């Protein structure tokens, strides 16, 4: 897929894998039913990124739908990954995703 946000999603996946935050087993369907922001009551932030955010963003891009306006995920990463050794790399890719999505127009 030749979309700048798609490439950043690939980079996010690589960064999560390098940080050992990518999970091999899927989360339960029940955990994905949360209505809380970032599914904070049922998932860790990295699980939300992997099983909700990346999946939904790729589906939006593939369908040609508009991406969210004014997305701001990086602040959650600042809190969630503050003590992680890969903090800077994780924060960097999420900041770039926030900017790219917020600046994008429908495909």
C-alpha atoms as a PDB file:
ATOM      1  CA  UNK A   1       0.000   0.000   0.000  1.00  0.00           C
ATOM      2  CA  UNK A   2       1.486   3.327  -1.053  1.00  0.00           C
ATOM      3  CA  UNK A   3       0.077   5.683   1.565  1.00  0.00           C
ATOM      4  CA  UNK A   4       2.312   7.681   3.936  1.00  0.00           C
ATOM      5  CA  UNK A   5       0.252   6.698   6.984  1.00  0.00           C
ATOM      6  CA  UNK A   6       0.427   3.018   5.958  1.00  0.00           C
ATOM      7  CA  UNK A   7       4.232   3.255   5.932  1.00  0.00           C
ATOM      8  CA  UNK A   8       4.186   4.831   9.391  1.00  0.00           C
ATOM      9  CA  UNK A   9       1.933   2.017  10.627  1.00  0.00           C
ATOM     10  CA  UNK A  10       4.525  -0.452   9.320  1.00  0.00           C
ATOM     11  CA  UNK A  11       7.197   1.509  11.171  1.00  0.00           C
ATOM     12  CA  UNK A  12       5.100   1.461  14.344  1.00  0.00           C
ATOM     13  CA  UNK A  13       4.798  -2.310  14.088  1.00  0.00           C
ATOM     14  CA  UNK A  14       8.570  -2.676  13.603  1.00  0.00           C
ATOM     15  CA  UNK A  15       9.240  -0.362  16.546  1.00  0.00           C
ATOM     16  CA  UNK A  16       6.842  -2.261  18.817  1.00  0.00           C
ATOM     17  CA  UNK A  17       8.485  -5.539  17.789  1.00  0.00           C
ATOM     18  CA  UNK A  18      11.985  -4.165  18.451  1.00  0.00           C
ATOM     19  CA  UNK A  19      10.774  -2.947  21.858  1.00  0.00           C
ATOM     20  CA  UNK A  20       9.393  -6.434  22.535  1.00  0.00           C
ATOM     21  CA  UNK A  21       5.894  -4.990  22.885  1.00  0.00           C
ATOM     22  CA  UNK A  22       4.315  -6.858  19.948  1.00  0.00           C
ATOM     23  CA  UNK A  23       2.187  -9.763  21.105  1.00  0.00           C
ATOM     24  CA  UNK A  24       2.081 -13.059  19.202  1.00  0.00           C
ATOM     25  CA  UNK A  25      -1.264 -14.223  20.612  1.00  0.00           C
ATOM     26  CA  UNK A  26      -4.427 -12.229  19.948  1.00  0.00           C
ATOM     27  CA  UNK A  27      -6.314 -10.658  22.821  1.00  0.00           C
ATOM     28  CA  UNK A  28      -9.772 -11.911  23.702  1.00  0.00           C
ATOM     29  CA  UNK A  29     -12.755 -10.652  21.743  1.00  0.00           C
ATOM     30  CA  UNK A  30     -14.229  -9.473  25.056  1.00  0.00           C
ATOM     31  CA  UNK A  31     -11.236  -7.186  25.683  1.00  0.00           C
ATOM     32  CA  UNK A  32     -11.854  -5.474  22.342  1.00  0.00           C
ATOM     33  CA  UNK A  33     -15.432  -4.547  23.300  1.00  0.00           C
ATOM     34  CA  UNK A  34     -14.328  -1.844  25.721  1.00  0.00           C
ATOM     35  CA  UNK A  35     -15.807   1.616  25.184  1.00  0.00           C
ATOM     36  CA  UNK A  36     -13.106   3.351  27.234  1.00  0.00           C
ATOM     37  CA  UNK A  37     -10.469   5.443  25.452  1.00  0.00           C
ATOM     38  CA  UNK A  38      -7.586   3.204  24.332  1.00  0.00           C
ATOM     39  CA  UNK A  39      -9.533   0.246  25.853  1.00  0.00           C
ATOM     40  CA  UNK A  40      -7.665   1.274  29.006  1.00  0.00           C
ATOM     41  CA  UNK A  41      -9.849  -0.945  31.179  1.00  0.00           C
ATOM     42  CA  UNK A  42      -9.115  -4.130  29.217  1.00  0.00           C
ATOM     43  CA  UNK A  43      -5.832  -3.662  27.302  1.00  0.00           C
ATOM     44  CA  UNK A  44      -2.371  -2.301  27.863  1.00  0.00           C
ATOM     45  CA  UNK A  45      -1.583   0.640  25.561  1.00  0.00           C
ATOM     46  CA  UNK A  46       0.700  -1.430  23.326  1.00  0.00           C
ATOM     47  CA  UNK A  47      -2.060  -4.019  22.941  1.00  0.00           C
ATOM     48  CA  UNK A  48      -4.485  -1.276  21.922  1.00  0.00           C
ATOM     49  CA  UNK A  49      -1.983  -0.023  19.351  1.00  0.00           C
ATOM     50  CA  UNK A  50      -1.547  -3.505  17.893  1.00  0.00           C
ATOM     51  CA  UNK A  51      -5.060  -4.920  18.024  1.00  0.00           C
ATOM     52  CA  UNK A  52      -7.222  -1.814  17.630  1.00  0.00           C
ATOM     53  CA  UNK A  53      -5.345   1.184  16.249  1.00  0.00           C
ATOM     54  CA  UNK A  54      -3.197  -0.452  13.552  1.00  0.00           C
ATOM     55  CA  UNK A  55      -6.051  -2.715  12.418  1.00  0.00           C
ATOM     56  CA  UNK A  56      -8.612   0.112  12.193  1.00  0.00           C
ATOM     57  CA  UNK A  57      -6.241   2.558  10.524  1.00  0.00           C
ATOM     58  CA  UNK A  58      -5.255   0.027   7.866  1.00  0.00           C
ATOM     59  CA  UNK A  59      -8.938  -0.757   7.236  1.00  0.00           C
ATOM     60  CA  UNK A  60      -9.715   2.963   6.805  1.00  0.00           C
ATOM     61  CA  UNK A  61      -6.855   3.409   4.355  1.00  0.00           C
ATOM     62  CA  UNK A  62      -7.792   0.300   2.359  1.00  0.00           C
ATOM     63  CA  UNK A  63     -11.410   1.424   2.087  1.00  0.00           C
ATOM     64  CA  UNK A  64     -10.468   4.977   1.109  1.00  0.00           C
ATOM     65  CA  UNK A  65     -12.312   6.384   4.124  1.00  0.00           C
ATOM     66  CA  UNK A  66     -11.337   9.628   5.779  1.00  0.00           C
ATOM     67  CA  UNK A  67      -8.794   9.318   8.555  1.00  0.00           C
ATOM     68  CA  UNK A  68      -9.506  10.838  11.984  1.00  0.00           C
ATOM     69  CA  UNK A  69      -9.008  14.575  12.318  1.00  0.00           C
ATOM     70  CA  UNK A  70      -6.717  15.974  15.001  1.00  0.00           C
ATOM     71  CA  UNK A  71      -5.431  12.627  16.201  1.00  0.00           C
ATOM     72  CA  UNK A  72      -3.308  12.751  19.369  1.00  0.00           C
ATOM     73  CA  UNK A  73      -1.910   9.389  20.435  1.00  0.00           C
ATOM     74  CA  UNK A  74       1.609  10.521  21.326  1.00  0.00           C
ATOM     75  CA  UNK A  75       0.556  12.013  24.699  1.00  0.00           C
ATOM     76  CA  UNK A  76      -0.670   8.579  25.795  1.00  0.00           C
ATOM     77  CA  UNK A  77       2.675   7.116  24.725  1.00  0.00           C
ATOM     78  CA  UNK A  78       4.481   9.706  26.826  1.00  0.00           C
ATOM     79  CA  UNK A  79       2.740   8.297  29.891  1.00  0.00           C
ATOM     80  CA  UNK A  80       2.578   4.619  28.940  1.00  0.00           C
ATOM     81  CA  UNK A  81       6.133   4.217  27.682  1.00  0.00           C
ATOM     82  CA  UNK A  82       7.909   6.790  29.880  1.00  0.00           C
ATOM     83  CA  UNK A  83      10.098   4.177  31.573  1.00  0.00           C
ATOM     84  CA  UNK A  84      10.601   1.947  28.540  1.00  0.00           C
ATOM     85  CA  UNK A  85      14.140   1.740  27.093  1.00  0.00           C
ATOM     86  CA  UNK A  86      12.708   2.331  23.582  1.00  0.00           C
ATOM     87  CA  UNK A  87      10.738   5.394  24.703  1.00  0.00           C
ATOM     88  CA  UNK A  88      12.219   7.833  22.168  1.00  0.00           C
ATOM     89  CA  UNK A  89      11.691   5.544  19.169  1.00  0.00           C
ATOM     90  CA  UNK A  90       8.107   4.735  20.210  1.00  0.00           C
ATOM     91  CA  UNK A  91       7.264   8.372  20.880  1.00  0.00           C
ATOM     92  CA  UNK A  92       8.849   9.523  17.623  1.00  0.00           C
ATOM     93  CA  UNK A  93       6.821   7.219  15.385  1.00  0.00           C
ATOM     94  CA  UNK A  94       3.585   8.045  17.216  1.00  0.00           C
ATOM     95  CA  UNK A  95       4.241  11.787  16.965  1.00  0.00           C
ATOM     96  CA  UNK A  96       4.815  11.406  13.233  1.00  0.00           C
ATOM     97  CA  UNK A  97       1.635   9.339  12.930  1.00  0.00           C
ATOM     98  CA  UNK A  98      -0.341  12.019  14.782  1.00  0.00           C
ATOM     99  CA  UNK A  99       0.956  14.655  12.381  1.00  0.00           C
ATOM    100  CA  UNK A 100       0.498  12.592   9.226  1.00  0.00           C
ATOM    101  CA  UNK A 101      -3.045  11.512  10.085  1.00  0.00           C
ATOM    102  CA  UNK A 102      -4.118  14.976  11.204  1.00  0.00           C
ATOM    103  CA  UNK A 103      -2.729  16.492   7.983  1.00  0.00           C
ATOM    104  CA  UNK A 104      -4.049  13.808   5.627  1.00  0.00           C
ATOM    105  CA  UNK A 105      -6.986  14.146   3.313  1.00  0.00           C
ATOM    106  CA  UNK A 106      -9.290  11.348   2.169  1.00  0.00           C
ATOM    107  CA  UNK A 107      -7.646   8.993  -0.331  1.00  0.00           C
END
